[in-house]
Amino acid sequence: MQLALSFSDIVDAADHLTLAEQESLIDILSRRLAENRRAELAQDVHDARQEYHRGQTQAATADDIMNDLLS
């Protein structure tokens, strides 16, 4: 069974940690956030490649995209 904590509860709990523990927590969360962002980016690239191979998108230069946006 998982315990559901609110954001406020988590922040309050972090206040009870030592400074070293708080720094360690920040380091752990920063690394997890970076890993999650990398995984999300990798999924976006994978999805874009799949769409391209299915013919749902086409290659374009930055100039092509800007011209489309500005027209």
C-alpha atoms as a PDB file:
ATOM      1  CA  MET A   1       0.000   0.000   0.000  1.00  0.00           C
ATOM      2  CA  GLN A   2       1.376   3.394  -0.986  1.00  0.00           C
ATOM      3  CA  LEU A   3       1.164   6.384   1.290  1.00  0.00           C
ATOM      4  CA  ALA A   4      -0.066   9.487  -0.547  1.00  0.00           C
ATOM      5  CA  LEU A   5       1.686  12.628   0.640  1.00  0.00           C
ATOM      6  CA  SER A   6       0.922  16.149  -0.459  1.00  0.00           C
ATOM      7  CA  PHE A   7       3.628  18.398  -1.825  1.00  0.00           C
ATOM      8  CA  SER A   8       3.359  20.466   1.348  1.00  0.00           C
ATOM      9  CA  ASP A   9       3.874  17.355   3.511  1.00  0.00           C
ATOM     10  CA  ILE A  10       7.008  16.471   1.568  1.00  0.00           C
ATOM     11  CA  VAL A  11       8.437  19.983   1.873  1.00  0.00           C
ATOM     12  CA  ASP A  12       7.681  20.004   5.600  1.00  0.00           C
ATOM     13  CA  ALA A  13       9.343  16.606   6.017  1.00  0.00           C
ATOM     14  CA  ALA A  14      12.429  17.876   4.189  1.00  0.00           C
ATOM     15  CA  ASP A  15      12.698  20.670   6.754  1.00  0.00           C
ATOM     16  CA  HIS A  16      13.326  18.025   9.423  1.00  0.00           C
ATOM     17  CA  LEU A  17      16.337  16.614   7.577  1.00  0.00           C
ATOM     18  CA  THR A  18      19.871  17.677   8.359  1.00  0.00           C
ATOM     19  CA  LEU A  19      21.540  20.043   5.911  1.00  0.00           C
ATOM     20  CA  ALA A  20      23.619  17.168   4.554  1.00  0.00           C
ATOM     21  CA  GLU A  21      20.481  15.086   4.051  1.00  0.00           C
ATOM     22  CA  GLN A  22      18.743  17.999   2.338  1.00  0.00           C
ATOM     23  CA  GLU A  23      21.713  18.406  -0.015  1.00  0.00           C
ATOM     24  CA  SER A  24      21.669  14.685  -0.715  1.00  0.00           C
ATOM     25  CA  LEU A  25      17.928  14.811  -1.405  1.00  0.00           C
ATOM     26  CA  ILE A  26      18.405  17.713  -3.818  1.00  0.00           C
ATOM     27  CA  ASP A  27      21.169  15.788  -5.598  1.00  0.00           C
ATOM     28  CA  ILE A  28      19.002  12.667  -5.891  1.00  0.00           C
ATOM     29  CA  LEU A  29      15.996  14.628  -7.162  1.00  0.00           C
ATOM     30  CA  SER A  30      18.129  16.587  -9.640  1.00  0.00           C
ATOM     31  CA  ARG A  31      19.572  13.382 -11.059  1.00  0.00           C
ATOM     32  CA  ARG A  32      16.137  11.775 -11.318  1.00  0.00           C
ATOM     33  CA  LEU A  33      14.759  14.862 -13.029  1.00  0.00           C
ATOM     34  CA  ALA A  34      17.612  14.821 -15.557  1.00  0.00           C
ATOM     35  CA  GLU A  35      17.057  11.104 -16.200  1.00  0.00           C
ATOM     36  CA  ASN A  36      13.331  11.671 -16.703  1.00  0.00           C
ATOM     37  CA  ARG A  37      13.977  14.552 -19.091  1.00  0.00           C
ATOM     38  CA  ARG A  38      16.429  12.425 -21.087  1.00  0.00           C
ATOM     39  CA  ALA A  39      13.910   9.583 -21.262  1.00  0.00           C
ATOM     40  CA  GLU A  40      11.174  11.979 -22.374  1.00  0.00           C
ATOM     41  CA  LEU A  41      13.425  13.452 -25.065  1.00  0.00           C
ATOM     42  CA  ALA A  42      14.410   9.979 -26.270  1.00  0.00           C
ATOM     43  CA  GLN A  43      10.722   9.042 -26.508  1.00  0.00           C
ATOM     44  CA  ASP A  44       9.964  12.232 -28.452  1.00  0.00           C
ATOM     45  CA  VAL A  45      12.778  11.448 -30.911  1.00  0.00           C
ATOM     46  CA  HIS A  46      11.546   7.868 -31.265  1.00  0.00           C
ATOM     47  CA  ASP A  47       7.973   9.052 -31.891  1.00  0.00           C
ATOM     48  CA  ALA A  48       9.134  11.626 -34.451  1.00  0.00           C
ATOM     49  CA  ARG A  49      11.150   9.003 -36.320  1.00  0.00           C
ATOM     50  CA  GLN A  50       8.175   6.651 -36.358  1.00  0.00           C
ATOM     51  CA  GLU A  51       5.943   9.404 -37.741  1.00  0.00           C
ATOM     52  CA  TYR A  52       8.553  10.192 -40.399  1.00  0.00           C
ATOM     53  CA  HIS A  53       8.842   6.539 -41.454  1.00  0.00           C
ATOM     54  CA  ARG A  54       5.041   6.285 -41.680  1.00  0.00           C
ATOM     55  CA  GLY A  55       5.016   9.331 -43.952  1.00  0.00           C
ATOM     56  CA  GLN A  56       3.173  11.490 -41.438  1.00  0.00           C
ATOM     57  CA  THR A  57       5.895  14.140 -41.470  1.00  0.00           C
ATOM     58  CA  GLN A  58       8.542  15.313 -43.843  1.00  0.00           C
ATOM     59  CA  ALA A  59      12.059  16.620 -43.481  1.00  0.00           C
ATOM     60  CA  ALA A  60      12.381  20.401 -43.382  1.00  0.00           C
ATOM     61  CA  THR A  61      15.095  22.938 -42.758  1.00  0.00           C
ATOM     62  CA  ALA A  62      14.829  25.566 -40.065  1.00  0.00           C
ATOM     63  CA  ASP A  63      14.228  28.138 -42.816  1.00  0.00           C
ATOM     64  CA  ASP A  64      11.351  26.051 -44.198  1.00  0.00           C
ATOM     65  CA  ILE A  65       9.740  25.859 -40.786  1.00  0.00           C
ATOM     66  CA  MET A  66      10.180  29.585 -40.131  1.00  0.00           C
ATOM     67  CA  ASN A  67       8.714  30.433 -43.545  1.00  0.00           C
ATOM     68  CA  ASP A  68       5.704  28.214 -42.811  1.00  0.00           C
ATOM     69  CA  LEU A  69       5.212  29.847 -39.428  1.00  0.00           C
ATOM     70  CA  LEU A  70       5.480  33.370 -40.815  1.00  0.00           C
ATOM     71  CA  SER A  71       3.217  32.832 -43.815  1.00  0.00           C
END
